[in-house]
Amino acid sequence: MLLQLSTWLEVDVYLEQSKGIILPIGSTEQHGPTGLIGTDAICAEAIARGVGEATHALVGPTINVGMALHHTAFPGSMSLRPSTLILVIRDYVTCLARAGFTRFFFINGHGGNVATLKAAFSEVYATLVDLNVSNAEQVQCQVSNWYMCGSVYQLAKELYGDQEGSHATPSEVALTQYIYPDAMKQAPLSESVAKGHKIYGAAAFRRRYPDGRMGSNPALATPGHGKQFYELAVKELSSAYLEFLGTTSLSS
């Protein structure tokens, strides 16, 4: 059930049965010569919808632009400042909490969002109390990174070993290939790829990682691999969502 394809009457009925909502969040940033700029949002959205179907949960609109300032020296990359993203999360959750939602399960596709999301959750809790929102003490927010699911991590290790890397990875590229097979890209990739450098500003990132990859070999990706990652992530995050709600069965 997608929030944007529902009426307010349908959401009202849903709230009689569940106070939980899934919110996919990603990023719009470069993913190397062959990775789609929308990779992080595409992956989070697809998996969130899969989890929504498996758990009969309401899925909110995808937050497509995240905190990716260090990628903005590459054309097409977009970013919110951490302070801006915190306000976006605060306002999203505040509106929904006032409507009666109390469990906010963020499915995240971008590592650069994590610190800001956790800070935003603290801002949310304080704001709801300051505004005297009636259910403020019941509101809980959780972030789950699909790429950190144990089963996903293990499969990536088995398929790609050290060539998984940490950005523009074959696992995330494979998932986008599965979701959008007609958008698969081809480009020459150098055998040597930078890795291990600390991340500072955008100019330094572009200088240290000139083609955008961080220790990865996305040429190893296939749509078939992507299907496996999708199914593993949906299964694991469905269980995590139900546990977050205090439910233990997919049939509940």
Protein backbone atom coordinates (compact mmCIF):
# COMPACT_ATOMS: atom_id res chain seq x y z
CA MET A 1 0.00 0.00 0.00
CA LEU A 2 1.60 3.23 -1.18
CA LEU A 3 0.76 6.44 0.64
CA GLN A 4 0.77 8.51 -2.55
CA LEU A 5 -1.69 6.13 -4.22
CA SER A 6 -4.07 6.08 -1.25
CA THR A 7 -6.86 8.36 -0.14
CA TRP A 8 -7.02 9.92 3.31
CA LEU A 9 -9.97 7.65 4.06
CA GLU A 10 -7.88 4.58 3.29
CA VAL A 11 -5.06 5.85 5.52
CA ASP A 12 -7.60 6.44 8.29
CA VAL A 13 -8.70 2.79 8.04
CA TYR A 14 -5.07 1.62 7.96
CA LEU A 15 -4.32 3.48 11.20
CA GLU A 16 -7.02 1.47 12.94
CA GLN A 17 -4.92 -1.64 12.24
CA SER A 18 -1.32 -0.37 12.34
CA LYS A 19 0.65 2.67 13.47
CA GLY A 20 3.68 1.77 11.37
CA ILE A 21 4.94 3.25 8.13
CA ILE A 22 7.97 2.46 5.96
CA LEU A 23 9.92 5.39 4.54
CA PRO A 24 12.54 4.69 1.84
CA ILE A 25 15.45 7.11 1.69
CA GLY A 26 18.39 7.20 -0.68
CA SER A 27 20.50 9.69 -2.57
CA THR A 28 21.02 11.24 -5.99
CA GLU A 29 24.75 10.95 -6.58
CA GLN A 30 27.37 9.56 -8.92
CA HIS A 31 27.99 5.82 -8.83
CA GLY A 32 31.03 5.48 -11.01
CA PRO A 33 31.12 5.13 -14.81
CA THR A 34 28.41 2.44 -14.98
CA GLY A 35 26.23 3.08 -11.93
CA LEU A 36 22.99 5.06 -12.13
CA ILE A 37 22.96 8.40 -10.33
CA GLY A 38 19.70 7.38 -8.66
CA THR A 39 21.06 4.02 -7.44
CA ASP A 40 20.64 4.59 -3.71
CA ALA A 41 17.06 5.83 -4.00
CA ILE A 42 16.12 3.19 -6.58
CA CYS A 43 17.35 0.37 -4.35
CA ALA A 44 15.73 1.70 -1.19
CA GLU A 45 12.40 2.29 -2.92
CA ALA A 46 12.20 -1.15 -4.54
CA ILE A 47 13.08 -2.95 -1.33
CA ALA A 48 10.72 -0.80 0.74
CA ARG A 49 7.86 -1.65 -1.61
CA GLY A 50 8.74 -5.32 -1.37
CA VAL A 51 8.72 -5.15 2.41
CA GLY A 52 5.43 -3.26 2.32
CA GLU A 53 3.84 -6.00 0.23
CA ALA A 54 5.22 -8.75 2.46
CA THR A 55 4.06 -7.14 5.72
CA HIS A 56 0.93 -5.28 4.52
CA ALA A 57 2.58 -2.03 5.57
CA LEU A 58 2.00 1.47 4.28
CA VAL A 59 5.01 2.78 2.31
CA GLY A 60 5.63 6.51 2.11
CA PRO A 61 7.15 8.48 -0.78
CA THR A 62 10.87 8.01 -1.35
CA ILE A 63 13.23 10.68 -0.10
CA ASN A 64 15.40 10.77 -3.22
CA VAL A 65 18.00 13.39 -2.27
CA GLY A 66 20.08 12.74 0.82
CA MET A 67 23.35 13.89 2.36
CA ALA A 68 25.93 13.45 -0.41
CA LEU A 69 27.95 16.66 -0.35
CA HIS A 70 31.19 14.75 -0.90
CA HIS A 71 29.93 13.55 -4.32
CA THR A 72 28.96 16.95 -5.70
CA ALA A 73 32.16 17.46 -7.73
CA PHE A 74 30.70 14.89 -10.15
CA PRO A 75 28.08 16.20 -12.62
CA GLY A 76 24.50 15.27 -11.77
CA SER A 77 25.05 14.66 -8.07
CA MET A 78 22.68 16.47 -5.73
CA SER A 79 22.72 16.85 -1.97
CA LEU A 80 20.98 18.34 1.02
CA ARG A 81 23.09 19.78 3.81
CA PRO A 82 22.86 17.74 7.02
CA SER A 83 20.93 20.57 8.68
CA THR A 84 18.42 20.61 5.80
CA LEU A 85 17.91 16.85 5.82
CA ILE A 86 17.34 16.94 9.57
CA LEU A 87 14.53 19.46 9.04
CA VAL A 88 13.04 17.40 6.21
CA ILE A 89 12.92 14.28 8.40
CA ARG A 90 11.58 16.27 11.33
CA ASP A 91 8.75 17.75 9.29
CA TYR A 92 7.85 14.44 7.58
CA VAL A 93 7.61 12.58 10.87
CA THR A 94 5.84 15.40 12.70
CA CYS A 95 3.05 15.51 10.11
CA LEU A 96 2.58 11.76 10.18
CA ALA A 97 2.80 11.52 13.97
CA ARG A 98 0.03 14.09 14.30
CA ALA A 99 -2.09 11.84 12.10
CA GLY A 100 -1.51 8.92 14.47
CA PHE A 101 1.60 7.10 13.24
CA THR A 102 4.09 6.08 15.93
CA ARG A 103 6.53 3.67 14.23
CA PHE A 104 8.73 5.06 11.46
CA PHE A 105 10.91 2.48 9.70
CA PHE A 106 13.40 4.08 7.33
CA ILE A 107 14.88 1.77 4.70
CA ASN A 108 18.11 3.46 3.69
CA GLY A 109 20.25 3.01 0.60
CA HIS A 110 23.06 5.50 1.27
CA GLY A 111 25.73 5.30 3.95
CA GLY A 112 26.15 9.08 3.98
CA ASN A 113 22.61 9.45 5.36
CA VAL A 114 23.12 7.43 8.52
CA ALA A 115 24.67 9.99 10.88
CA THR A 116 22.22 12.69 9.78
CA LEU A 117 19.24 10.36 10.18
CA LYS A 118 20.21 9.49 13.73
CA ALA A 119 20.59 13.16 14.57
CA ALA A 120 17.23 13.84 12.93
CA PHE A 121 15.52 11.26 15.11
CA SER A 122 16.69 13.10 18.22
CA GLU A 123 15.36 16.32 16.73
CA VAL A 124 12.04 14.59 16.02
CA TYR A 125 11.58 13.39 19.59
CA ALA A 126 12.34 16.81 21.06
CA THR A 127 10.11 18.63 18.58
CA LEU A 128 7.10 16.38 19.19
CA VAL A 129 7.37 17.05 22.92
CA ASP A 130 7.82 20.78 22.40
CA LEU A 131 4.71 20.86 20.21
CA ASN A 132 2.71 18.83 22.74
CA VAL A 133 1.82 16.22 20.13
CA SER A 134 -0.42 13.80 21.96
CA ASN A 135 1.43 10.59 21.04
CA ALA A 136 4.94 12.05 21.34
CA GLU A 137 6.13 9.50 23.88
CA GLN A 138 5.04 6.60 21.67
CA VAL A 139 6.93 7.70 18.55
CA GLN A 140 9.97 5.63 17.58
CA CYS A 141 12.19 5.90 14.51
CA GLN A 142 14.57 3.26 13.18
CA VAL A 143 16.94 3.17 10.22
CA SER A 144 17.79 -0.10 8.48
CA ASN A 145 20.39 -0.13 5.72
CA TRP A 146 19.51 -2.76 3.12
CA TYR A 147 23.15 -3.26 2.12
CA MET A 148 24.07 -4.11 5.71
CA CYS A 149 21.61 -6.98 6.00
CA GLY A 150 23.59 -10.02 7.11
CA SER A 151 22.39 -12.18 4.23
CA VAL A 152 23.09 -9.44 1.68
CA TYR A 153 26.57 -8.80 3.05
CA GLN A 154 27.38 -12.51 2.98
CA LEU A 155 26.22 -12.95 -0.62
CA ALA A 156 28.23 -9.93 -1.75
CA LYS A 157 31.29 -11.38 -0.09
CA GLU A 158 30.76 -14.74 -1.79
CA LEU A 159 30.15 -13.25 -5.23
CA TYR A 160 32.66 -10.42 -5.28
CA GLY A 161 35.13 -10.78 -2.42
CA ASP A 162 37.36 -7.71 -2.06
CA GLN A 163 36.02 -6.31 -5.33
CA GLU A 164 32.73 -5.36 -3.65
CA GLY A 165 34.40 -2.18 -2.39
CA SER A 166 32.41 0.48 -0.57
CA HIS A 167 30.88 2.71 -3.27
CA ALA A 168 29.53 2.02 -6.75
CA THR A 169 29.57 -1.59 -5.58
CA PRO A 170 28.63 -4.53 -7.80
CA SER A 171 25.87 -5.47 -5.33
CA GLU A 172 24.02 -2.15 -5.62
CA VAL A 173 24.65 -1.93 -9.37
CA ALA A 174 23.30 -5.48 -9.74
CA LEU A 175 20.14 -4.51 -7.87
CA THR A 176 19.52 -1.55 -10.18
CA GLN A 177 20.11 -3.84 -13.17
CA TYR A 178 17.41 -6.17 -11.86
CA ILE A 179 14.99 -3.29 -11.25
CA TYR A 180 15.72 -1.40 -14.48
CA PRO A 181 17.26 -3.87 -16.96
CA ASP A 182 16.73 -1.44 -19.85
CA ALA A 183 18.91 1.16 -18.11
CA MET A 184 22.05 -0.97 -17.80
CA LYS A 185 25.20 0.97 -18.68
CA GLN A 186 28.52 -0.03 -20.19
CA ALA A 187 31.77 1.91 -19.89
CA PRO A 188 35.47 1.06 -19.69
CA LEU A 189 36.73 0.54 -16.14
CA SER A 190 40.37 0.75 -15.18
CA GLU A 191 41.78 -2.31 -13.43
CA SER A 192 43.25 -0.16 -10.67
CA VAL A 193 40.74 1.56 -8.40
CA ALA A 194 41.37 3.81 -5.43
CA LYS A 195 40.38 2.73 -1.95
CA GLY A 196 41.12 3.47 1.69
CA HIS A 197 41.24 7.26 1.53
CA LYS A 198 39.34 9.23 4.15
CA ILE A 199 36.38 11.26 2.94
CA TYR A 200 36.50 15.03 3.30
CA GLY A 201 35.06 17.59 0.87
CA ALA A 202 33.84 17.15 -2.70
CA ALA A 203 37.04 18.33 -4.41
CA ALA A 204 39.19 15.99 -2.31
CA PHE A 205 36.85 13.08 -3.01
CA ARG A 206 37.02 13.65 -6.78
CA ARG A 207 40.81 13.92 -6.61
CA ARG A 208 41.26 10.73 -4.58
CA TYR A 209 38.54 8.72 -6.36
CA PRO A 210 38.74 10.09 -9.92
CA ASP A 211 36.14 7.80 -11.53
CA GLY A 212 33.85 7.74 -8.48
CA ARG A 213 34.44 4.14 -7.44
CA MET A 214 35.78 3.20 -4.02
CA GLY A 215 37.57 -0.15 -4.33
CA SER A 216 34.74 -1.67 -6.36
CA ASN A 217 34.37 -3.58 -9.61
CA PRO A 218 30.78 -3.09 -10.80
CA ALA A 219 31.59 -4.99 -14.00
CA LEU A 220 30.92 -8.12 -11.92
CA ALA A 221 27.26 -7.19 -11.45
CA THR A 222 24.43 -9.07 -13.18
CA PRO A 223 20.63 -8.72 -13.02
CA GLY A 224 20.48 -12.26 -11.66
CA HIS A 225 22.66 -11.24 -8.74
CA GLY A 226 20.38 -8.25 -8.23
CA LYS A 227 17.33 -10.50 -7.93
CA GLN A 228 19.09 -12.47 -5.21
CA PHE A 229 20.01 -9.30 -3.29
CA TYR A 230 16.45 -8.02 -3.60
CA GLU A 231 14.88 -11.20 -2.25
CA LEU A 232 17.34 -11.46 0.64
CA ALA A 233 16.91 -7.82 1.65
CA VAL A 234 13.11 -7.97 1.48
CA LYS A 235 13.00 -11.11 3.61
CA GLU A 236 15.39 -9.82 6.25
CA LEU A 237 13.94 -6.32 6.47
CA SER A 238 10.38 -7.65 6.59
CA SER A 239 11.30 -9.54 9.74
CA ALA A 240 13.06 -6.47 11.11
CA TYR A 241 10.01 -4.29 10.46
CA LEU A 242 7.63 -6.68 12.16
CA GLU A 243 9.97 -6.94 15.12
CA PHE A 244 10.04 -3.13 15.29
CA LEU A 245 6.24 -3.15 15.44
CA GLY A 246 6.28 -5.87 18.08
CA THR A 247 4.91 -8.49 15.66
CA THR A 248 6.73 -11.71 14.91
CA SER A 249 4.88 -13.28 11.98
CA LEU A 250 4.60 -12.22 8.32
CA SER A 251 1.05 -13.56 8.36
CA SER A 252 -0.02 -11.34 11.23
